[in-house]
Amino acid sequence: MFRNLFALLAGAVLLILGFMFSVLVLAVVAVLGLAAWGYLRWKTRKFRRAMQEQSPDGQVIDGEAIVVEEYGVGTNNVLLGDPPRQ
């Protein structure tokens, strides 16, 4: 009986400790992510300002272009015994 009670108590304590650890890890990851985002915003502020000055009304039109080159392929039938053409 004491064995079951001890197992239940130990399981509850481990569950609470695991939950507290996961909350702590989540908070640390959130703070590090926010710090990285702030660092990138700070480092790219001159670039963003220059991009806004170059574009009309502060809008950037982004697009993609694909160049397709068309060409014709000629085929020659070669038979045995025909002299080669130049």
PDB file of N, CA and C in Angstrom:
ATOM      1  N   MET A   1       0.797  -1.181   0.000  1.00  0.00           N
ATOM      2  CA  MET A   1       0.000   0.000   0.000  1.00  0.00           C
ATOM      3  C   MET A   1       0.857   1.269   0.000  1.00  0.00           C
ATOM      4  N   PHE A   2       1.896   1.287   0.841  1.00  0.00           N
ATOM      5  CA  PHE A   2       2.776   2.447   0.865  1.00  0.00           C
ATOM      6  C   PHE A   2       3.543   2.582  -0.442  1.00  0.00           C
ATOM      7  N   ARG A   3       3.771   1.439  -1.043  1.00  0.00           N
ATOM      8  CA  ARG A   3       4.488   1.437  -2.316  1.00  0.00           C
ATOM      9  C   ARG A   3       3.662   2.132  -3.394  1.00  0.00           C
ATOM     10  N   ASN A   4       2.377   1.854  -3.441  1.00  0.00           N
ATOM     11  CA  ASN A   4       1.502   2.500  -4.426  1.00  0.00           C
ATOM     12  C   ASN A   4       1.352   3.993  -4.136  1.00  0.00           C
ATOM     13  N   LEU A   5       1.247   4.340  -2.886  1.00  0.00           N
ATOM     14  CA  LEU A   5       1.120   5.747  -2.505  1.00  0.00           C
ATOM     15  C   LEU A   5       2.392   6.512  -2.858  1.00  0.00           C
ATOM     16  N   PHE A   6       3.543   5.883  -2.582  1.00  0.00           N
ATOM     17  CA  PHE A   6       4.815   6.514  -2.934  1.00  0.00           C
ATOM     18  C   PHE A   6       4.944   6.685  -4.445  1.00  0.00           C
ATOM     19  N   ALA A   7       4.545   5.689  -5.217  1.00  0.00           N
ATOM     20  CA  ALA A   7       4.608   5.767  -6.681  1.00  0.00           C
ATOM     21  C   ALA A   7       3.693   6.875  -7.193  1.00  0.00           C
ATOM     22  N   LEU A   8       2.514   7.012  -6.619  1.00  0.00           N
ATOM     23  CA  LEU A   8       1.585   8.059  -7.020  1.00  0.00           C
ATOM     24  C   LEU A   8       2.149   9.433  -6.686  1.00  0.00           C
ATOM     25  N   LEU A   9       2.702   9.578  -5.502  1.00  0.00           N
ATOM     26  CA  LEU A   9       3.284  10.847  -5.084  1.00  0.00           C
ATOM     27  C   LEU A   9       4.498  11.203  -5.947  1.00  0.00           C
ATOM     28  N   ALA A  10       5.355  10.227  -6.212  1.00  0.00           N
ATOM     29  CA  ALA A  10       6.535  10.464  -7.049  1.00  0.00           C
ATOM     30  C   ALA A  10       6.122  10.827  -8.467  1.00  0.00           C
ATOM     31  N   GLY A  11       5.105  10.170  -8.987  1.00  0.00           N
ATOM     32  CA  GLY A  11       4.616  10.490 -10.334  1.00  0.00           C
ATOM     33  C   GLY A  11       4.052  11.896 -10.409  1.00  0.00           C
ATOM     34  N   ALA A  12       3.306  12.304  -9.375  1.00  0.00           N
ATOM     35  CA  ALA A  12       2.746  13.653  -9.352  1.00  0.00           C
ATOM     36  C   ALA A  12       3.855  14.705  -9.274  1.00  0.00           C
ATOM     37  N   VAL A  13       4.861  14.458  -8.454  1.00  0.00           N
ATOM     38  CA  VAL A  13       5.973  15.402  -8.328  1.00  0.00           C
ATOM     39  C   VAL A  13       6.735  15.495  -9.645  1.00  0.00           C
ATOM     40  N   LEU A  14       7.002  14.368 -10.274  1.00  0.00           N
ATOM     41  CA  LEU A  14       7.711  14.391 -11.554  1.00  0.00           C
ATOM     42  C   LEU A  14       6.893  15.082 -12.635  1.00  0.00           C
ATOM     43  N   LEU A  15       5.583  14.901 -12.627  1.00  0.00           N
ATOM     44  CA  LEU A  15       4.721  15.561 -13.594  1.00  0.00           C
ATOM     45  C   LEU A  15       4.764  17.076 -13.403  1.00  0.00           C
ATOM     46  N   ILE A  16       4.694  17.522 -12.172  1.00  0.00           N
ATOM     47  CA  ILE A  16       4.746  18.960 -11.882  1.00  0.00           C
ATOM     48  C   ILE A  16       6.115  19.533 -12.253  1.00  0.00           C
ATOM     49  N   LEU A  17       7.180  18.833 -11.917  1.00  0.00           N
ATOM     50  CA  LEU A  17       8.524  19.299 -12.282  1.00  0.00           C
ATOM     51  C   LEU A  17       8.707  19.351 -13.795  1.00  0.00           C
ATOM     52  N   GLY A  18       8.202  18.361 -14.500  1.00  0.00           N
ATOM     53  CA  GLY A  18       8.291  18.360 -15.959  1.00  0.00           C
ATOM     54  C   GLY A  18       7.525  19.517 -16.567  1.00  0.00           C
ATOM     55  N   PHE A  19       6.340  19.798 -16.025  1.00  0.00           N
ATOM     56  CA  PHE A  19       5.559  20.921 -16.523  1.00  0.00           C
ATOM     57  C   PHE A  19       6.283  22.237 -16.278  1.00  0.00           C
ATOM     58  N   MET A  20       6.855  22.398 -15.089  1.00  0.00           N
ATOM     59  CA  MET A  20       7.585  23.626 -14.771  1.00  0.00           C
ATOM     60  C   MET A  20       8.812  23.777 -15.678  1.00  0.00           C
ATOM     61  N   PHE A  21       9.498  22.689 -15.935  1.00  0.00           N
ATOM     62  CA  PHE A  21      10.668  22.736 -16.813  1.00  0.00           C
ATOM     63  C   PHE A  21      10.266  23.105 -18.239  1.00  0.00           C
ATOM     64  N   SER A  22       9.157  22.549 -18.727  1.00  0.00           N
ATOM     65  CA  SER A  22       8.725  22.862 -20.084  1.00  0.00           C
ATOM     66  C   SER A  22       8.295  24.317 -20.209  1.00  0.00           C
ATOM     67  N   VAL A  23       7.658  24.869 -19.184  1.00  0.00           N
ATOM     68  CA  VAL A  23       7.294  26.282 -19.204  1.00  0.00           C
ATOM     69  C   VAL A  23       8.547  27.148 -19.218  1.00  0.00           C
ATOM     70  N   LEU A  24       9.547  26.766 -18.438  1.00  0.00           N
ATOM     71  CA  LEU A  24      10.802  27.511 -18.404  1.00  0.00           C
ATOM     72  C   LEU A  24      11.497  27.464 -19.759  1.00  0.00           C
ATOM     73  N   VAL A  25      11.553  26.301 -20.370  1.00  0.00           N
ATOM     74  CA  VAL A  25      12.191  26.165 -21.687  1.00  0.00           C
ATOM     75  C   VAL A  25      11.428  26.980 -22.727  1.00  0.00           C
ATOM     76  N   LEU A  26      10.109  26.941 -22.684  1.00  0.00           N
ATOM     77  CA  LEU A  26       9.307  27.715 -23.626  1.00  0.00           C
ATOM     78  C   LEU A  26       9.554  29.216 -23.444  1.00  0.00           C
ATOM     79  N   ALA A  27       9.668  29.682 -22.221  1.00  0.00           N
ATOM     80  CA  ALA A  27       9.944  31.095 -21.962  1.00  0.00           C
ATOM     81  C   ALA A  27      11.322  31.494 -22.480  1.00  0.00           C
ATOM     82  N   VAL A  28      12.312  30.645 -22.267  1.00  0.00           N
ATOM     83  CA  VAL A  28      13.665  30.946 -22.750  1.00  0.00           C
ATOM     84  C   VAL A  28      13.692  30.987 -24.270  1.00  0.00           C
ATOM     85  N   VAL A  29      13.029  30.045 -24.930  1.00  0.00           N
ATOM     86  CA  VAL A  29      12.984  30.031 -26.393  1.00  0.00           C
ATOM     87  C   VAL A  29      12.261  31.271 -26.916  1.00  0.00           C
ATOM     88  N   ALA A  30      11.185  31.681 -26.260  1.00  0.00           N
ATOM     89  CA  ALA A  30      10.453  32.881 -26.680  1.00  0.00           C
ATOM     90  C   ALA A  30      11.319  34.128 -26.536  1.00  0.00           C
ATOM     91  N   VAL A  31      12.046  34.238 -25.437  1.00  0.00           N
ATOM     92  CA  VAL A  31      12.908  35.403 -25.234  1.00  0.00           C
ATOM     93  C   VAL A  31      14.040  35.416 -26.256  1.00  0.00           C
ATOM     94  N   LEU A  32      14.651  34.267 -26.514  1.00  0.00           N
ATOM     95  CA  LEU A  32      15.727  34.207 -27.515  1.00  0.00           C
ATOM     96  C   LEU A  32      15.206  34.525 -28.913  1.00  0.00           C
ATOM     97  N   GLY A  33      14.026  34.033 -29.245  1.00  0.00           N
ATOM     98  CA  GLY A  33      13.438  34.342 -30.547  1.00  0.00           C
ATOM     99  C   GLY A  33      13.123  35.815 -30.691  1.00  0.00           C
ATOM    100  N   LEU A  34      12.591  36.428 -29.656  1.00  0.00           N
ATOM    101  CA  LEU A  34      12.300  37.856 -29.676  1.00  0.00           C
ATOM    102  C   LEU A  34      13.590  38.667 -29.788  1.00  0.00           C
ATOM    103  N   ALA A  35      14.635  38.242 -29.100  1.00  0.00           N
ATOM    104  CA  ALA A  35      15.925  38.932 -29.185  1.00  0.00           C
ATOM    105  C   ALA A  35      16.508  38.820 -30.590  1.00  0.00           C
ATOM    106  N   ALA A  36      16.417  37.647 -31.208  1.00  0.00           N
ATOM    107  CA  ALA A  36      16.923  37.472 -32.574  1.00  0.00           C
ATOM    108  C   ALA A  36      16.127  38.333 -33.554  1.00  0.00           C
ATOM    109  N   TRP A  37      14.810  38.382 -33.394  1.00  0.00           N
ATOM    110  CA  TRP A  37      13.978  39.214 -34.268  1.00  0.00           C
ATOM    111  C   TRP A  37      14.352  40.685 -34.109  1.00  0.00           C
ATOM    112  N   GLY A  38      14.523  41.152 -32.879  1.00  0.00           N
ATOM    113  CA  GLY A  38      14.915  42.536 -32.642  1.00  0.00           C
ATOM    114  C   GLY A  38      16.289  42.848 -33.219  1.00  0.00           C
ATOM    115  N   TYR A  39      17.215  41.921 -33.089  1.00  0.00           N
ATOM    116  CA  TYR A  39      18.561  42.112 -33.648  1.00  0.00           C
ATOM    117  C   TYR A  39      18.510  42.242 -35.164  1.00  0.00           C
ATOM    118  N   LEU A  40      17.738  41.383 -35.825  1.00  0.00           N
ATOM    119  CA  LEU A  40      17.629  41.462 -37.285  1.00  0.00           C
ATOM    120  C   LEU A  40      16.937  42.753 -37.724  1.00  0.00           C
ATOM    121  N   ARG A  41      15.898  43.172 -36.992  1.00  0.00           N
ATOM    122  CA  ARG A  41      15.233  44.439 -37.321  1.00  0.00           C
ATOM    123  C   ARG A  41      16.210  45.596 -37.177  1.00  0.00           C
ATOM    124  N   TRP A  42      17.033  45.569 -36.140  1.00  0.00           N
ATOM    125  CA  TRP A  42      17.980  46.649 -35.897  1.00  0.00           C
ATOM    126  C   TRP A  42      19.057  46.681 -36.981  1.00  0.00           C
ATOM    127  N   LYS A  43      19.556  45.527 -37.376  1.00  0.00           N
ATOM    128  CA  LYS A  43      20.626  45.462 -38.367  1.00  0.00           C
ATOM    129  C   LYS A  43      20.151  45.798 -39.782  1.00  0.00           C
ATOM    130  N   THR A  44      18.873  45.597 -40.078  1.00  0.00           N
ATOM    131  CA  THR A  44      18.380  45.842 -41.443  1.00  0.00           C
ATOM    132  C   THR A  44      17.610  47.154 -41.553  1.00  0.00           C
ATOM    133  N   ARG A  45      17.674  48.031 -40.568  1.00  0.00           N
ATOM    134  CA  ARG A  45      16.881  49.259 -40.610  1.00  0.00           C
ATOM    135  C   ARG A  45      17.332  50.188 -41.729  1.00  0.00           C
ATOM    136  N   LYS A  46      18.643  50.291 -41.983  1.00  0.00           N
ATOM    137  CA  LYS A  46      19.142  51.144 -43.068  1.00  0.00           C
ATOM    138  C   LYS A  46      18.712  50.590 -44.425  1.00  0.00           C
ATOM    139  N   PHE A  47      18.766  49.295 -44.562  1.00  0.00           N
ATOM    140  CA  PHE A  47      18.361  48.663 -45.822  1.00  0.00           C
ATOM    141  C   PHE A  47      16.872  48.885 -46.084  1.00  0.00           C
ATOM    142  N   ARG A  48      16.036  48.722 -45.063  1.00  0.00           N
ATOM    143  CA  ARG A  48      14.600  48.929 -45.229  1.00  0.00           C
ATOM    144  C   ARG A  48      14.283  50.380 -45.548  1.00  0.00           C
ATOM    145  N   ARG A  49      14.986  51.304 -44.913  1.00  0.00           N
ATOM    146  CA  ARG A  49      14.774  52.727 -45.190  1.00  0.00           C
ATOM    147  C   ARG A  49      15.169  53.053 -46.622  1.00  0.00           C
ATOM    148  N   ALA A  50      16.301  52.513 -47.100  1.00  0.00           N
ATOM    149  CA  ALA A  50      16.737  52.751 -48.477  1.00  0.00           C
ATOM    150  C   ALA A  50      15.744  52.161 -49.475  1.00  0.00           C
ATOM    151  N   MET A  51      15.193  50.998 -49.171  1.00  0.00           N
ATOM    152  CA  MET A  51      14.211  50.395 -50.070  1.00  0.00           C
ATOM    153  C   MET A  51      12.944  51.242 -50.141  1.00  0.00           C
ATOM    154  N   GLN A  52      12.525  51.826 -49.025  1.00  0.00           N
ATOM    155  CA  GLN A  52      11.325  52.665 -49.029  1.00  0.00           C
ATOM    156  C   GLN A  52      11.556  53.968 -49.781  1.00  0.00           C
ATOM    157  N   GLU A  53      12.773  54.508 -49.735  1.00  0.00           N
ATOM    158  CA  GLU A  53      13.068  55.741 -50.459  1.00  0.00           C
ATOM    159  C   GLU A  53      13.117  55.511 -51.967  1.00  0.00           C
ATOM    160  N   GLN A  54      13.523  54.340 -52.408  1.00  0.00           N
ATOM    161  CA  GLN A  54      13.636  54.061 -53.837  1.00  0.00           C
ATOM    162  C   GLN A  54      12.292  53.758 -54.475  1.00  0.00           C
ATOM    163  N   SER A  55      11.379  53.199 -53.745  1.00  0.00           N
ATOM    164  CA  SER A  55      10.113  52.789 -54.335  1.00  0.00           C
ATOM    165  C   SER A  55       9.075  53.897 -54.207  1.00  0.00           C
ATOM    166  N   PRO A  56       8.181  54.007 -55.189  1.00  0.00           N
ATOM    167  CA  PRO A  56       7.134  55.042 -55.100  1.00  0.00           C
ATOM    168  C   PRO A  56       6.122  54.693 -54.012  1.00  0.00           C
ATOM    169  N   ASP A  57       5.784  55.664 -53.195  1.00  0.00           N
ATOM    170  CA  ASP A  57       4.797  55.499 -52.130  1.00  0.00           C
ATOM    171  C   ASP A  57       5.182  54.417 -51.126  1.00  0.00           C
ATOM    172  N   GLY A  58       6.445  54.041 -51.057  1.00  0.00           N
ATOM    173  CA  GLY A  58       6.874  53.044 -50.101  1.00  0.00           C
ATOM    174  C   GLY A  58       6.415  51.639 -50.424  1.00  0.00           C
ATOM    175  N   GLN A  59       5.957  51.399 -51.661  1.00  0.00           N
ATOM    176  CA  GLN A  59       5.478  50.070 -52.036  1.00  0.00           C
ATOM    177  C   GLN A  59       6.502  49.399 -52.934  1.00  0.00           C
ATOM    178  N   VAL A  60       6.694  48.132 -52.723  1.00  0.00           N
ATOM    179  CA  VAL A  60       7.603  47.348 -53.540  1.00  0.00           C
ATOM    180  C   VAL A  60       6.775  46.361 -54.341  1.00  0.00           C
ATOM    181  N   ILE A  61       6.947  46.400 -55.660  1.00  0.00           N
ATOM    182  CA  ILE A  61       6.245  45.449 -56.522  1.00  0.00           C
ATOM    183  C   ILE A  61       7.213  44.317 -56.814  1.00  0.00           C
ATOM    184  N   ASP A  62       6.838  43.131 -56.422  1.00  0.00           N
ATOM    185  CA  ASP A  62       7.700  41.977 -56.567  1.00  0.00           C
ATOM    186  C   ASP A  62       7.120  41.071 -57.635  1.00  0.00           C
ATOM    187  N   GLY A  63       7.966  40.512 -58.463  1.00  0.00           N
ATOM    188  CA  GLY A  63       7.472  39.622 -59.497  1.00  0.00           C
ATOM    189  C   GLY A  63       8.522  38.613 -59.904  1.00  0.00           C
ATOM    190  N   GLU A  64       8.135  37.781 -60.826  1.00  0.00           N
ATOM    191  CA  GLU A  64       9.024  36.734 -61.311  1.00  0.00           C
ATOM    192  C   GLU A  64       8.844  36.620 -62.813  1.00  0.00           C
ATOM    193  N   ALA A  65       9.938  36.459 -63.516  1.00  0.00           N
ATOM    194  CA  ALA A  65       9.882  36.344 -64.974  1.00  0.00           C
ATOM    195  C   ALA A  65      10.584  35.061 -65.396  1.00  0.00           C
ATOM    196  N   ILE A  66      10.027  34.428 -66.409  1.00  0.00           N
ATOM    197  CA  ILE A  66      10.615  33.206 -66.960  1.00  0.00           C
ATOM    198  C   ILE A  66      10.840  33.446 -68.443  1.00  0.00           C
ATOM    199  N   VAL A  67      12.057  33.218 -68.899  1.00  0.00           N
ATOM    200  CA  VAL A  67      12.402  33.388 -70.306  1.00  0.00           C
ATOM    201  C   VAL A  67      12.395  32.014 -70.958  1.00  0.00           C
ATOM    202  N   VAL A  68      11.598  31.877 -72.002  1.00  0.00           N
ATOM    203  CA  VAL A  68      11.517  30.617 -72.728  1.00  0.00           C
ATOM    204  C   VAL A  68      12.080  30.855 -74.119  1.00  0.00           C
ATOM    205  N   GLU A  69      13.150  30.174 -74.437  1.00  0.00           N
ATOM    206  CA  GLU A  69      13.747  30.303 -75.764  1.00  0.00           C
ATOM    207  C   GLU A  69      13.236  29.159 -76.634  1.00  0.00           C
ATOM    208  N   GLU A  70      12.710  29.554 -77.792  1.00  0.00           N
ATOM    209  CA  GLU A  70      12.195  28.543 -78.711  1.00  0.00           C
ATOM    210  C   GLU A  70      13.212  28.327 -79.822  1.00  0.00           C
ATOM    211  N   TYR A  71      13.377  27.113 -80.196  1.00  0.00           N
ATOM    212  CA  TYR A  71      14.271  26.784 -81.285  1.00  0.00           C
ATOM    213  C   TYR A  71      13.748  25.534 -81.969  1.00  0.00           C
ATOM    214  N   GLY A  72      14.099  25.416 -83.229  1.00  0.00           N
ATOM    215  CA  GLY A  72      13.660  24.259 -84.000  1.00  0.00           C
ATOM    216  C   GLY A  72      14.761  23.216 -84.077  1.00  0.00           C
ATOM    217  N   VAL A  73      14.369  21.991 -84.088  1.00  0.00           N
ATOM    218  CA  VAL A  73      15.320  20.889 -84.175  1.00  0.00           C
ATOM    219  C   VAL A  73      15.037  20.145 -85.470  1.00  0.00           C
ATOM    220  N   GLY A  74      16.059  20.078 -86.295  1.00  0.00           N
ATOM    221  CA  GLY A  74      15.901  19.339 -87.548  1.00  0.00           C
ATOM    222  C   GLY A  74      16.372  17.902 -87.385  1.00  0.00           C
ATOM    223  N   THR A  75      15.700  17.006 -88.073  1.00  0.00           N
ATOM    224  CA  THR A  75      16.113  15.609 -88.006  1.00  0.00           C
ATOM    225  C   THR A  75      16.502  15.146 -89.391  1.00  0.00           C
ATOM    226  N   ASN A  76      17.532  14.362 -89.450  1.00  0.00           N
ATOM    227  CA  ASN A  76      17.985  13.772 -90.713  1.00  0.00           C
ATOM    228  C   ASN A  76      17.916  12.261 -90.583  1.00  0.00           C
ATOM    229  N   ASN A  77      17.315  11.650 -91.558  1.00  0.00           N
ATOM    230  CA  ASN A  77      17.288  10.195 -91.596  1.00  0.00           C
ATOM    231  C   ASN A  77      18.564   9.718 -92.267  1.00  0.00           C
ATOM    232  N   VAL A  78      19.254   8.851 -91.629  1.00  0.00           N
ATOM    233  CA  VAL A  78      20.505   8.328 -92.163  1.00  0.00           C
ATOM    234  C   VAL A  78      20.271   6.863 -92.506  1.00  0.00           C
ATOM    235  N   LEU A  79      20.540   6.524 -93.753  1.00  0.00           N
ATOM    236  CA  LEU A  79      20.408   5.141 -94.197  1.00  0.00           C
ATOM    237  C   LEU A  79      21.792   4.551 -94.420  1.00  0.00           C
ATOM    238  N   LEU A  80      21.864   3.261 -94.298  1.00  0.00           N
ATOM    239  CA  LEU A  80      23.140   2.598 -94.533  1.00  0.00           C
ATOM    240  C   LEU A  80      23.515   2.741 -96.008  1.00  0.00           C
ATOM    241  N   GLY A  81      24.750   3.105 -96.237  1.00  0.00           N
ATOM    242  CA  GLY A  81      25.229   3.199 -97.595  1.00  0.00           C
ATOM    243  C   GLY A  81      25.127   4.608 -98.173  1.00  0.00           C
ATOM    244  N   ASP A  82      24.440   5.546 -97.523  1.00  0.00           N
ATOM    245  CA  ASP A  82      24.375   6.922 -98.015  1.00  0.00           C
ATOM    246  C   ASP A  82      25.682   7.630 -97.676  1.00  0.00           C
ATOM    247  N   PRO A  83      26.164   8.445 -98.604  1.00  0.00           N
ATOM    248  CA  PRO A  83      27.362   9.223 -98.282  1.00  0.00           C
ATOM    249  C   PRO A  83      27.000  10.322 -97.272  1.00  0.00           C
ATOM    250  N   PRO A  84      27.915  10.672 -96.393  1.00  0.00           N
ATOM    251  CA  PRO A  84      27.622  11.721 -95.410  1.00  0.00           C
ATOM    252  C   PRO A  84      27.453  13.086 -96.075  1.00  0.00           C
ATOM    253  N   ARG A  85      26.499  13.866 -95.597  1.00  0.00           N
ATOM    254  CA  ARG A  85      26.255  15.208 -96.127  1.00  0.00           C
ATOM    255  C   ARG A  85      27.003  16.221 -95.277  1.00  0.00           C
ATOM    256  N   GLN A  86      27.297  17.357 -95.930  1.00  0.00           N
ATOM    257  CA  GLN A  86      27.993  18.410 -95.180  1.00  0.00           C
ATOM    258  C   GLN A  86      27.221  19.678 -95.196  1.00  0.00           C
TER     259      GLN A  86
END
